[in-house]
Protein backbone atom coordinates (compact mmCIF):
# COMPACT_ATOMS: atom_id res chain seq x y z
CA MET A 1 -91.66 -152.94 73.18
CA THR A 2 -95.39 -153.23 72.66
CA GLY A 3 -96.19 -149.90 71.03
CA ASP A 4 -99.56 -149.83 72.83
CA GLN A 5 -100.63 -146.51 74.31
CA HIS A 6 -103.47 -148.09 76.29
CA GLY A 7 -102.59 -148.36 79.96
CA PHE A 8 -99.31 -146.45 79.59
CA ARG A 9 -99.53 -145.03 83.10
CA ALA A 10 -100.09 -148.48 84.59
CA ARG A 11 -97.06 -149.80 82.73
CA PHE A 12 -94.98 -146.77 83.75
CA LEU A 13 -95.94 -147.13 87.40
CA ALA A 14 -95.28 -150.87 87.32
CA GLY A 15 -91.71 -150.25 86.26
CA GLU A 16 -91.97 -151.97 82.90
CA THR A 17 -89.07 -151.31 80.57
CA LEU A 18 -90.31 -148.65 78.15
CA TYR A 19 -88.60 -147.06 75.16
CA GLY A 20 -89.41 -143.70 73.66
CA THR A 21 -87.96 -140.67 71.93
CA PHE A 22 -88.49 -136.94 71.70
CA LEU A 23 -90.45 -135.55 68.77
CA LYS A 24 -89.15 -132.18 67.61
CA ILE A 25 -90.49 -132.06 64.03
CA PRO A 26 -94.01 -130.56 63.90
CA ALA A 27 -95.49 -133.30 61.72
CA THR A 28 -97.49 -136.47 62.29
CA MET A 29 -95.42 -138.96 60.29
CA PRO A 30 -92.60 -139.46 62.82
CA ALA A 31 -95.10 -140.62 65.43
CA GLU A 32 -96.69 -143.00 62.94
CA ILE A 33 -93.31 -144.45 61.94
CA LEU A 34 -92.20 -144.93 65.54
CA GLY A 35 -95.51 -146.53 66.45
CA GLY A 36 -95.11 -148.93 63.55
CA ILE A 37 -91.63 -149.87 64.70
CA GLY A 38 -92.92 -150.66 68.17
CA TYR A 39 -91.77 -147.81 70.38
CA ASP A 40 -93.78 -147.48 73.59
CA PHE A 41 -94.04 -143.70 73.75
CA VAL A 42 -92.97 -140.37 72.29
CA VAL A 43 -92.38 -137.06 74.04
CA VAL A 44 -93.76 -134.17 72.01
CA ASP A 45 -91.26 -131.43 72.81
CA GLU A 46 -93.15 -128.17 73.14
CA GLU A 47 -90.37 -126.70 75.29
CA HIS A 48 -87.59 -126.70 72.71
CA SER A 49 -89.36 -127.13 69.36
CA PRO A 50 -91.78 -125.12 67.17
CA PHE A 51 -95.06 -126.72 68.23
CA ASN A 52 -98.32 -124.93 68.76
CA ARG A 53 -101.62 -126.20 70.12
CA GLU A 54 -102.83 -127.42 66.74
CA THR A 55 -99.65 -129.32 65.80
CA THR A 56 -99.60 -131.01 69.20
CA ASP A 57 -103.27 -131.92 68.79
CA ARG A 58 -102.62 -133.56 65.41
CA ILE A 59 -99.60 -135.47 66.68
CA VAL A 60 -101.55 -136.77 69.68
CA LEU A 61 -104.21 -138.02 67.27
CA ALA A 62 -101.52 -139.66 65.12
CA CYS A 63 -100.14 -141.38 68.20
CA LYS A 64 -103.56 -142.82 68.99
CA ALA A 65 -103.87 -144.09 65.41
CA ALA A 66 -100.39 -145.61 65.54
CA GLY A 67 -100.80 -147.23 68.95
CA ILE A 68 -98.04 -145.30 70.72
CA ALA A 69 -98.37 -143.25 73.90
CA ALA A 70 -98.06 -139.47 73.64
CA ILE A 71 -96.35 -137.62 76.48
CA VAL A 72 -95.96 -133.87 76.00
CA ARG A 73 -93.07 -131.89 77.41
CA VAL A 74 -94.88 -128.64 78.09
CA GLN A 75 -93.09 -125.30 78.12
CA SER A 76 -93.67 -124.65 81.81
CA LYS A 77 -95.72 -125.62 84.86
CA ASP A 78 -98.48 -123.20 83.72
CA PRO A 79 -101.78 -125.04 84.41
CA ALA A 80 -103.23 -123.77 81.12
CA GLN A 81 -100.47 -125.51 79.16
CA ILE A 82 -100.95 -128.75 81.06
CA LEU A 83 -104.73 -128.60 80.60
CA SER A 84 -104.41 -127.94 76.87
CA VAL A 85 -102.41 -131.05 76.06
CA LEU A 86 -104.40 -133.31 78.38
CA ASP A 87 -107.67 -132.18 76.78
CA CYS A 88 -106.10 -133.07 73.41
CA GLY A 89 -105.79 -136.60 74.75
CA ALA A 90 -102.09 -136.71 75.66
CA ASP A 91 -101.26 -139.65 77.88
CA GLY A 92 -99.27 -137.45 80.19
CA VAL A 93 -97.02 -134.47 80.69
CA LEU A 94 -93.31 -134.03 81.27
CA VAL A 95 -92.89 -130.75 83.15
CA PRO A 96 -89.52 -128.95 83.06
CA HIS A 97 -87.65 -127.38 85.98
CA VAL A 98 -89.54 -128.87 88.92
CA THR A 99 -87.28 -127.62 91.69
CA ASP A 100 -89.27 -128.17 94.88
CA ALA A 101 -92.23 -129.97 96.42
CA ALA A 102 -94.52 -126.95 96.01
CA THR A 103 -93.97 -126.99 92.24
CA ALA A 104 -94.52 -130.74 92.15
CA ARG A 105 -97.82 -130.30 94.01
CA ASP A 106 -98.84 -127.57 91.55
CA ILE A 107 -98.30 -129.75 88.47
CA VAL A 108 -100.11 -132.67 90.07
CA ALA A 109 -103.05 -130.41 90.88
CA ALA A 110 -103.12 -129.09 87.31
CA GLY A 111 -103.32 -132.61 85.91
CA ARG A 112 -105.79 -134.24 88.31
CA TYR A 113 -109.50 -133.82 88.89
CA ARG A 114 -109.96 -135.50 92.29
CA GLY A 115 -107.89 -133.65 94.84
CA GLY A 116 -106.61 -131.35 92.08
CA LYS A 117 -107.60 -128.31 90.08
CA ARG A 118 -107.83 -129.55 86.49
CA GLY A 119 -110.42 -127.61 84.52
CA PHE A 120 -113.43 -129.78 83.66
CA ALA A 121 -114.15 -130.20 79.94
CA PRO A 122 -115.60 -133.53 78.76
CA THR A 123 -116.32 -132.27 75.22
CA THR A 124 -112.69 -132.81 74.23
CA ARG A 125 -110.84 -135.75 72.67
CA ALA A 126 -109.91 -136.83 76.20
CA GLY A 127 -113.62 -136.97 77.06
CA GLY A 128 -114.72 -138.66 73.87
CA PHE A 129 -116.24 -135.36 72.72
CA GLY A 130 -118.97 -135.60 75.31
CA ARG A 131 -119.51 -139.34 75.24
CA ALA A 132 -118.52 -139.85 78.87
CA GLY A 133 -120.50 -138.50 81.80
CA GLN A 134 -118.86 -136.27 84.37
CA ALA A 135 -117.98 -138.89 86.97
CA GLU A 136 -116.85 -141.40 84.33
CA HIS A 137 -114.67 -138.87 82.55
CA MET A 138 -113.03 -137.60 85.73
CA ALA A 139 -112.25 -141.08 87.03
CA ALA A 140 -110.92 -142.28 83.67
CA GLU A 141 -108.65 -139.27 83.25
CA ASP A 142 -107.24 -139.56 86.76
CA ARG A 143 -106.40 -143.20 86.02
CA ARG A 144 -104.94 -142.42 82.60
CA VAL A 145 -102.84 -139.27 82.91
CA THR A 146 -99.15 -139.68 83.72
CA ILE A 147 -97.41 -136.79 85.47
CA ILE A 148 -93.61 -136.70 85.31
CA ALA A 149 -91.34 -134.03 86.78
CA MET A 150 -88.06 -133.07 85.14
CA ILE A 151 -85.22 -132.98 87.67
CA GLU A 152 -82.64 -130.80 85.95
CA ASP A 153 -81.57 -128.13 88.44
CA PRO A 154 -79.19 -128.25 91.42
CA GLU A 155 -82.02 -126.93 93.59
CA ALA A 156 -84.13 -129.94 92.59
CA ILE A 157 -81.36 -132.29 93.68
CA ASP A 158 -81.26 -130.55 97.06
CA ASN A 159 -85.04 -131.06 97.38
CA ILE A 160 -85.34 -134.45 95.70
CA ASP A 161 -86.67 -136.36 98.72
CA ASP A 162 -89.49 -133.85 99.18
CA ILE A 163 -90.30 -133.77 95.46
CA VAL A 164 -90.69 -137.53 95.03
CA ALA A 165 -92.80 -137.70 98.20
CA VAL A 166 -95.58 -135.63 96.60
CA ASP A 167 -98.76 -137.68 96.22
CA GLY A 168 -99.93 -138.04 92.64
CA LEU A 169 -96.51 -137.57 91.06
CA ASP A 170 -95.91 -140.64 88.93
CA GLY A 171 -92.22 -140.31 88.21
CA VAL A 172 -89.21 -138.17 87.42
CA PHE A 173 -86.95 -137.65 84.43
CA VAL A 174 -83.29 -136.97 85.15
CA GLY A 175 -82.24 -134.08 82.92
CA ARG A 176 -78.51 -134.69 82.88
CA GLY A 177 -77.89 -132.20 80.08
CA ASP A 178 -79.29 -129.28 82.06
CA LEU A 179 -77.54 -130.47 85.20
CA ALA A 180 -74.25 -130.60 83.30
CA ALA A 181 -74.84 -127.04 82.09
CA ALA A 182 -75.63 -125.90 85.63
CA TYR A 183 -72.49 -127.52 87.01
CA ALA A 184 -70.29 -126.43 84.08
CA GLY A 185 -68.31 -123.95 86.15
CA SER A 186 -67.32 -126.56 88.73
CA ASP A 187 -64.01 -128.39 88.82
CA ASP A 188 -65.61 -131.80 88.26
CA ALA A 189 -68.99 -131.28 86.64
CA ALA A 190 -69.19 -134.87 85.38
CA ALA A 191 -68.81 -136.26 88.90
CA MET A 192 -71.47 -133.86 90.17
CA VAL A 193 -73.91 -135.02 87.48
CA ARG A 194 -73.21 -138.64 88.39
CA ALA A 195 -73.80 -137.91 92.07
CA ALA A 196 -77.02 -136.04 91.26
CA THR A 197 -78.27 -138.94 89.13
CA GLU A 198 -77.49 -141.38 91.92
CA ALA A 199 -79.37 -139.16 94.38
CA VAL A 200 -82.46 -139.14 92.16
CA HIS A 201 -82.39 -142.91 91.77
CA ALA A 202 -82.00 -143.40 95.51
CA ALA A 203 -84.83 -141.03 96.43
CA ALA A 204 -87.16 -142.33 93.74
CA GLY A 205 -86.48 -145.91 94.77
CA LYS A 206 -87.38 -145.18 98.38
CA ALA A 207 -90.54 -143.32 97.37
CA GLY A 208 -91.61 -145.86 94.75
CA ARG A 209 -91.41 -143.40 91.86
CA THR A 210 -90.48 -144.37 88.31
CA VAL A 211 -87.31 -142.90 86.82
CA ALA A 212 -86.91 -141.97 83.14
CA ILE A 213 -83.61 -141.04 81.55
CA LEU A 214 -81.94 -140.33 78.22
CA PRO A 215 -78.93 -142.68 77.90
CA GLY A 216 -75.92 -141.57 75.89
CA THR A 217 -74.68 -145.02 74.91
CA PRO A 218 -75.78 -148.66 75.27
CA GLU A 219 -73.32 -148.97 78.15
CA ASP A 220 -74.87 -145.94 79.83
CA ALA A 221 -78.34 -147.38 79.32
CA ALA A 222 -77.26 -150.59 81.05
CA ALA A 223 -75.73 -148.64 83.93
CA GLN A 224 -78.87 -146.53 84.41
CA ALA A 225 -81.06 -149.63 84.25
CA ARG A 226 -78.99 -151.18 87.03
CA ALA A 227 -79.39 -147.94 89.00
CA GLY A 228 -83.18 -148.08 88.69
CA SER A 229 -84.28 -146.31 85.50
CA THR A 230 -87.03 -148.12 83.62
CA ALA A 231 -88.16 -145.61 80.95
CA PHE A 232 -85.58 -144.72 78.33
CA ILE A 233 -85.78 -141.78 75.90
CA LEU A 234 -83.37 -142.86 73.20
CA SER A 235 -83.02 -139.79 70.98
CA SER A 236 -85.26 -137.52 68.90
CA ASP A 237 -86.80 -137.71 65.46
CA GLN A 238 -84.26 -135.09 64.35
CA GLY A 239 -81.42 -137.15 65.80
CA PHE A 240 -82.60 -140.32 64.10
CA LEU A 241 -82.91 -138.49 60.77
CA ARG A 242 -79.48 -136.89 61.07
CA ASN A 243 -77.73 -140.12 62.06
CA ALA A 244 -79.43 -142.18 59.36
CA ALA A 245 -78.70 -139.52 56.72
CA MET A 246 -75.03 -139.36 57.71
CA GLN A 247 -74.72 -143.15 57.69
CA ALA A 248 -76.38 -143.47 54.29
CA GLN A 249 -74.19 -140.76 52.78
CA ASP A 250 -71.02 -142.32 54.19
CA MET A 251 -71.91 -145.81 52.97
CA MET A 252 -72.98 -144.71 49.50
CA SER A 253 -70.11 -142.31 48.99
CA ASP A 254 -67.62 -145.03 49.93
CA ALA A 255 -69.22 -147.41 47.44
CA VAL A 256 -69.30 -144.82 44.67
CA THR A 257 -65.71 -143.74 45.32
CA HIS A 258 -64.44 -147.33 45.12
CA ALA A 259 -66.49 -147.96 41.97
CA ARG A 260 -65.13 -144.88 40.19
CA LYS A 261 -61.57 -145.76 41.15
CA GLY A 262 -62.09 -149.28 39.82
């Protein structure tokens, strides 16, 4: 883990092994801590956490200071939401519920200048607040911005070959939690999630797209790496806090209990 946000898209596309985590706490310190540890990226979770445009903006700035890439999971494919976080300087977007090629083309268009429909605004953090000229800014942003589709619906699995074939889409994230929820009424939901994950890996491998995943255990991480995943979202800042707090309480309470008995 290098913890360097510069060239994140190039590293992602090259299939380097990258480690990140979701950020769900609307504060800057978690990003700074994770950058100091050496994580490669964070995913600012606007979809499921209480972020607004200003908190995301501050966290993106903290990521730049800490040398860690900032990907933002936006709430939807709405071009205005994608534009907002990219203008803040986010290194990319993770877009939920991409179910077909048309949606994939829409999110690519929202995030790209050349061949796309991204609104032009060089007087943002992404444009150096006006430092870069138009052509320079557009070319730099199209090189820099990483666009990742979340594959988390049965419909997306049915359309996976068409989705990963969309030009300008950099990779996919396999949302096994949402897939498990979608398949929950089936007789063997776990097997269906495994088959769906295998289908995504197979299609992405043929199309040359990077696969990101959230592993449940070290053994699962190894299995997904063998299948073709190269970007791993390990947990969330809330999860890390909860697990560390539980571990500390258990360890200290055991020590105190033994001491008082002695």
